[in-house]
Amino acid sequence: MTAFIIVIFVLIAGGIIFLIATHQPRGVNAAALEVSPAIGTCLGCQGPLSALGREAFRVGGTSGGWKLLFGEWAELGEDKVPLDVFACQRCRRVELRVPAA
């Protein structure tokens, strides 16, 4: 029984350490919209776009019952797709584009 508790503790501690090590803060710096140079025009209002950087979006993996049963093991088929993020200075619309090769 004691060995079982130790194993559970080690697994939980390892999971917490993994989450802390891989955590990336999210959010958009509002000042970036004012400072960055305009890149193209907005598809909605034709206003100037500002580059916000490149983000990696998660695709693939599983959902529903498989995620419930297997937890993070269900995400082994997951991949990340890098996309350039742009924001309109006028209407605040966000656009995603595939990075140039």
N, C-alpha and C. Protein backbone atom coordinates (compact mmCIF):
# COMPACT_ATOMS: atom_id res chain seq x y z
N MET A 1 0.83 -1.20 0.00
CA MET A 1 0.00 0.00 0.00
C MET A 1 0.87 1.26 0.00
N THR A 2 1.94 1.25 0.75
CA THR A 2 2.83 2.41 0.81
C THR A 2 3.50 2.65 -0.55
N ALA A 3 3.91 1.56 -1.23
CA ALA A 3 4.53 1.70 -2.54
C ALA A 3 3.55 2.32 -3.54
N PHE A 4 2.29 1.95 -3.45
CA PHE A 4 1.27 2.50 -4.33
C PHE A 4 1.13 4.01 -4.13
N ILE A 5 1.12 4.44 -2.90
CA ILE A 5 1.00 5.87 -2.58
C ILE A 5 2.22 6.63 -3.09
N ILE A 6 3.41 6.04 -2.95
CA ILE A 6 4.63 6.68 -3.44
C ILE A 6 4.59 6.81 -4.95
N VAL A 7 4.13 5.77 -5.65
CA VAL A 7 4.04 5.82 -7.11
C VAL A 7 3.05 6.91 -7.54
N ILE A 8 1.91 6.99 -6.90
CA ILE A 8 0.92 8.02 -7.22
C ILE A 8 1.51 9.41 -6.99
N PHE A 9 2.20 9.59 -5.87
CA PHE A 9 2.81 10.87 -5.56
C PHE A 9 3.83 11.27 -6.62
N VAL A 10 4.67 10.33 -7.03
CA VAL A 10 5.70 10.60 -8.04
C VAL A 10 5.04 10.97 -9.38
N LEU A 11 3.99 10.26 -9.76
CA LEU A 11 3.29 10.57 -11.01
C LEU A 11 2.66 11.96 -10.98
N ILE A 12 2.05 12.32 -9.88
CA ILE A 12 1.43 13.64 -9.75
C ILE A 12 2.50 14.72 -9.77
N ALA A 13 3.59 14.52 -9.03
CA ALA A 13 4.67 15.51 -9.00
C ALA A 13 5.29 15.66 -10.38
N GLY A 14 5.49 14.55 -11.09
CA GLY A 14 6.04 14.62 -12.44
C GLY A 14 5.12 15.37 -13.38
N GLY A 15 3.82 15.15 -13.26
CA GLY A 15 2.85 15.87 -14.09
C GLY A 15 2.86 17.36 -13.82
N ILE A 16 2.96 17.74 -12.56
CA ILE A 16 3.01 19.16 -12.22
C ILE A 16 4.28 19.80 -12.76
N ILE A 17 5.40 19.12 -12.61
CA ILE A 17 6.67 19.65 -13.13
C ILE A 17 6.60 19.79 -14.65
N PHE A 18 6.01 18.80 -15.33
CA PHE A 18 5.86 18.87 -16.78
C PHE A 18 5.01 20.06 -17.19
N LEU A 19 3.89 20.28 -16.50
CA LEU A 19 3.02 21.40 -16.84
C LEU A 19 3.71 22.74 -16.62
N ILE A 20 4.46 22.86 -15.56
CA ILE A 20 5.18 24.11 -15.29
C ILE A 20 6.25 24.34 -16.35
N ALA A 21 6.96 23.28 -16.73
CA ALA A 21 8.06 23.42 -17.69
C ALA A 21 7.55 23.75 -19.10
N THR A 22 6.37 23.28 -19.47
CA THR A 22 5.87 23.49 -20.83
C THR A 22 4.87 24.62 -20.94
N HIS A 23 4.56 25.29 -19.84
CA HIS A 23 3.57 26.37 -19.87
C HIS A 23 4.12 27.57 -20.62
N GLN A 24 3.32 28.10 -21.55
CA GLN A 24 3.66 29.31 -22.28
C GLN A 24 2.56 30.32 -22.04
N PRO A 25 2.90 31.48 -21.50
CA PRO A 25 1.87 32.47 -21.24
C PRO A 25 1.19 32.92 -22.53
N ARG A 26 -0.10 33.12 -22.46
CA ARG A 26 -0.89 33.55 -23.61
C ARG A 26 -1.28 35.01 -23.43
N GLY A 27 -1.73 35.58 -24.50
CA GLY A 27 -2.22 36.95 -24.42
C GLY A 27 -1.57 37.80 -25.48
N VAL A 28 -2.23 38.88 -25.82
CA VAL A 28 -1.73 39.79 -26.83
C VAL A 28 -1.36 41.09 -26.14
N ASN A 29 -0.19 41.57 -26.43
CA ASN A 29 0.25 42.85 -25.91
C ASN A 29 -0.48 43.94 -26.68
N ALA A 30 -1.30 44.71 -25.98
CA ALA A 30 -2.10 45.73 -26.65
C ALA A 30 -1.21 46.78 -27.31
N ALA A 31 -0.05 47.05 -26.76
CA ALA A 31 0.85 48.04 -27.34
C ALA A 31 1.40 47.55 -28.68
N ALA A 32 1.44 46.23 -28.90
CA ALA A 32 1.97 45.70 -30.16
C ALA A 32 1.12 46.14 -31.34
N LEU A 33 -0.17 46.36 -31.12
CA LEU A 33 -1.03 46.81 -32.20
C LEU A 33 -0.67 48.23 -32.64
N GLU A 34 -0.19 49.03 -31.73
CA GLU A 34 0.12 50.42 -32.03
C GLU A 34 1.51 50.58 -32.65
N VAL A 35 2.47 49.72 -32.27
CA VAL A 35 3.86 49.91 -32.65
C VAL A 35 4.25 49.19 -33.93
N SER A 36 3.75 47.98 -34.12
CA SER A 36 4.22 47.17 -35.24
C SER A 36 3.77 47.77 -36.56
N PRO A 37 4.59 47.62 -37.59
CA PRO A 37 4.25 48.20 -38.90
C PRO A 37 3.06 47.49 -39.54
N ALA A 38 2.34 48.20 -40.37
CA ALA A 38 1.19 47.63 -41.05
C ALA A 38 1.65 46.62 -42.10
N ILE A 39 0.97 45.49 -42.17
CA ILE A 39 1.29 44.44 -43.13
C ILE A 39 0.01 44.06 -43.84
N GLY A 40 -0.20 44.56 -45.04
CA GLY A 40 -1.40 44.22 -45.79
C GLY A 40 -2.62 44.94 -45.26
N THR A 41 -3.78 44.50 -45.73
CA THR A 41 -5.04 45.11 -45.31
C THR A 41 -5.98 44.03 -44.79
N CYS A 42 -6.90 44.44 -43.95
CA CYS A 42 -7.89 43.56 -43.34
C CYS A 42 -8.87 43.06 -44.40
N LEU A 43 -9.26 41.81 -44.31
CA LEU A 43 -10.23 41.27 -45.25
C LEU A 43 -11.62 41.83 -45.02
N GLY A 44 -11.91 42.28 -43.79
CA GLY A 44 -13.24 42.79 -43.48
C GLY A 44 -13.43 44.26 -43.81
N CYS A 45 -12.55 45.13 -43.28
CA CYS A 45 -12.76 46.58 -43.43
C CYS A 45 -11.67 47.26 -44.26
N GLN A 46 -10.70 46.52 -44.76
CA GLN A 46 -9.58 47.04 -45.54
C GLN A 46 -8.68 47.96 -44.73
N GLY A 47 -8.75 47.86 -43.39
CA GLY A 47 -7.87 48.65 -42.53
C GLY A 47 -6.47 48.04 -42.48
N PRO A 48 -5.50 48.76 -41.90
CA PRO A 48 -4.13 48.25 -41.83
C PRO A 48 -4.00 47.11 -40.81
N LEU A 49 -3.22 46.10 -41.16
CA LEU A 49 -2.95 44.98 -40.27
C LEU A 49 -1.61 45.16 -39.57
N SER A 50 -1.54 44.68 -38.34
CA SER A 50 -0.29 44.66 -37.59
C SER A 50 0.07 43.23 -37.26
N ALA A 51 1.36 42.90 -37.35
CA ALA A 51 1.82 41.55 -37.04
C ALA A 51 1.91 41.38 -35.53
N LEU A 52 1.33 40.29 -35.02
CA LEU A 52 1.41 39.98 -33.60
C LEU A 52 2.40 38.86 -33.30
N GLY A 53 2.95 38.25 -34.33
CA GLY A 53 3.92 37.18 -34.12
C GLY A 53 3.42 35.87 -34.69
N ARG A 54 4.12 34.81 -34.31
CA ARG A 54 3.80 33.47 -34.79
C ARG A 54 3.39 32.60 -33.60
N GLU A 55 2.29 31.89 -33.75
CA GLU A 55 1.79 30.99 -32.72
C GLU A 55 1.71 29.58 -33.26
N ALA A 56 1.93 28.61 -32.41
CA ALA A 56 1.80 27.20 -32.79
C ALA A 56 0.42 26.71 -32.33
N PHE A 57 -0.42 26.31 -33.27
CA PHE A 57 -1.77 25.84 -32.97
C PHE A 57 -1.78 24.31 -32.95
N ARG A 58 -2.43 23.75 -31.94
CA ARG A 58 -2.50 22.30 -31.78
C ARG A 58 -3.55 21.71 -32.71
N VAL A 59 -3.17 20.66 -33.44
CA VAL A 59 -4.10 19.95 -34.31
C VAL A 59 -3.93 18.46 -34.10
N GLY A 60 -4.96 17.70 -34.41
CA GLY A 60 -4.89 16.25 -34.27
C GLY A 60 -5.26 15.83 -32.85
N GLY A 61 -4.73 14.69 -32.45
CA GLY A 61 -5.06 14.17 -31.13
C GLY A 61 -6.45 13.56 -31.12
N THR A 62 -7.01 13.41 -29.94
CA THR A 62 -8.33 12.82 -29.79
C THR A 62 -9.17 13.66 -28.85
N SER A 63 -10.43 13.33 -28.76
CA SER A 63 -11.33 14.05 -27.85
C SER A 63 -12.36 13.08 -27.31
N GLY A 64 -13.22 13.58 -26.49
CA GLY A 64 -14.32 12.78 -25.96
C GLY A 64 -13.87 11.69 -25.01
N GLY A 65 -14.42 10.49 -25.21
CA GLY A 65 -14.17 9.37 -24.32
C GLY A 65 -12.72 8.91 -24.31
N TRP A 66 -12.03 8.99 -25.45
CA TRP A 66 -10.64 8.57 -25.49
C TRP A 66 -9.79 9.45 -24.58
N LYS A 67 -10.05 10.74 -24.59
CA LYS A 67 -9.32 11.67 -23.72
C LYS A 67 -9.61 11.35 -22.26
N LEU A 68 -10.86 11.02 -21.97
CA LEU A 68 -11.24 10.69 -20.61
C LEU A 68 -10.56 9.40 -20.13
N LEU A 69 -10.49 8.40 -21.00
CA LEU A 69 -9.90 7.11 -20.63
C LEU A 69 -8.38 7.12 -20.57
N PHE A 70 -7.75 7.76 -21.55
CA PHE A 70 -6.30 7.68 -21.67
C PHE A 70 -5.57 8.94 -21.27
N GLY A 71 -6.27 10.01 -20.99
CA GLY A 71 -5.64 11.25 -20.55
C GLY A 71 -4.68 11.79 -21.60
N GLU A 72 -3.48 12.17 -21.16
CA GLU A 72 -2.50 12.76 -22.07
C GLU A 72 -1.98 11.76 -23.10
N TRP A 73 -2.08 10.47 -22.82
CA TRP A 73 -1.64 9.47 -23.80
C TRP A 73 -2.49 9.55 -25.07
N ALA A 74 -3.71 10.05 -24.96
CA ALA A 74 -4.58 10.18 -26.13
C ALA A 74 -4.09 11.27 -27.08
N GLU A 75 -3.18 12.13 -26.62
CA GLU A 75 -2.70 13.25 -27.43
C GLU A 75 -1.42 12.92 -28.18
N LEU A 76 -1.01 11.67 -28.24
CA LEU A 76 0.23 11.31 -28.91
C LEU A 76 0.20 11.63 -30.40
N GLY A 77 -0.96 11.59 -31.02
CA GLY A 77 -1.08 11.89 -32.44
C GLY A 77 -1.19 13.37 -32.74
N GLU A 78 -1.08 14.19 -31.70
CA GLU A 78 -1.23 15.63 -31.87
C GLU A 78 0.02 16.25 -32.49
N ASP A 79 -0.19 17.33 -33.23
CA ASP A 79 0.91 18.04 -33.87
C ASP A 79 0.66 19.53 -33.70
N LYS A 80 1.66 20.34 -33.97
CA LYS A 80 1.52 21.80 -33.89
C LYS A 80 1.77 22.39 -35.27
N VAL A 81 0.92 23.35 -35.65
CA VAL A 81 1.03 24.03 -36.93
C VAL A 81 1.33 25.50 -36.66
N PRO A 82 2.47 26.00 -37.15
CA PRO A 82 2.77 27.42 -36.92
C PRO A 82 1.97 28.31 -37.87
N LEU A 83 1.38 29.37 -37.33
CA LEU A 83 0.63 30.33 -38.14
C LEU A 83 1.01 31.74 -37.71
N ASP A 84 1.11 32.64 -38.69
CA ASP A 84 1.36 34.05 -38.40
C ASP A 84 0.04 34.70 -38.01
N VAL A 85 0.06 35.52 -36.95
CA VAL A 85 -1.15 36.16 -36.43
C VAL A 85 -1.07 37.66 -36.73
N PHE A 86 -2.14 38.19 -37.32
CA PHE A 86 -2.25 39.60 -37.64
C PHE A 86 -3.54 40.15 -37.06
N ALA A 87 -3.53 41.43 -36.66
CA ALA A 87 -4.73 42.07 -36.11
C ALA A 87 -4.97 43.38 -36.85
N CYS A 88 -6.24 43.65 -37.11
CA CYS A 88 -6.62 44.89 -37.78
C CYS A 88 -6.62 46.02 -36.75
N GLN A 89 -6.01 47.14 -37.12
CA GLN A 89 -5.95 48.28 -36.21
C GLN A 89 -7.28 49.02 -36.14
N ARG A 90 -8.13 48.83 -37.14
CA ARG A 90 -9.40 49.55 -37.18
C ARG A 90 -10.53 48.74 -36.53
N CYS A 91 -10.80 47.52 -37.03
CA CYS A 91 -11.95 46.75 -36.54
C CYS A 91 -11.57 45.67 -35.53
N ARG A 92 -10.27 45.49 -35.25
CA ARG A 92 -9.76 44.54 -34.26
C ARG A 92 -9.97 43.07 -34.66
N ARG A 93 -10.20 42.80 -35.95
CA ARG A 93 -10.32 41.43 -36.44
C ARG A 93 -8.96 40.77 -36.41
N VAL A 94 -8.93 39.48 -36.13
CA VAL A 94 -7.67 38.71 -36.12
C VAL A 94 -7.65 37.81 -37.34
N GLU A 95 -6.51 37.79 -38.04
CA GLU A 95 -6.34 36.95 -39.21
C GLU A 95 -5.14 36.03 -39.01
N LEU A 96 -5.26 34.81 -39.49
CA LEU A 96 -4.18 33.83 -39.42
C LEU A 96 -3.71 33.53 -40.83
N ARG A 97 -2.38 33.43 -40.99
CA ARG A 97 -1.82 33.11 -42.31
C ARG A 97 -0.72 32.08 -42.16
N VAL A 98 -0.58 31.27 -43.19
CA VAL A 98 0.49 30.28 -43.23
C VAL A 98 1.81 31.04 -43.45
N PRO A 99 2.83 30.75 -42.65
CA PRO A 99 4.12 31.45 -42.82
C PRO A 99 4.72 31.19 -44.20
N ALA A 100 5.41 32.20 -44.71
CA ALA A 100 6.09 32.05 -46.00
C ALA A 100 7.22 31.04 -45.86
N ALA A 101 7.42 30.24 -46.89
CA ALA A 101 8.44 29.18 -46.83
C ALA A 101 9.83 29.72 -46.84
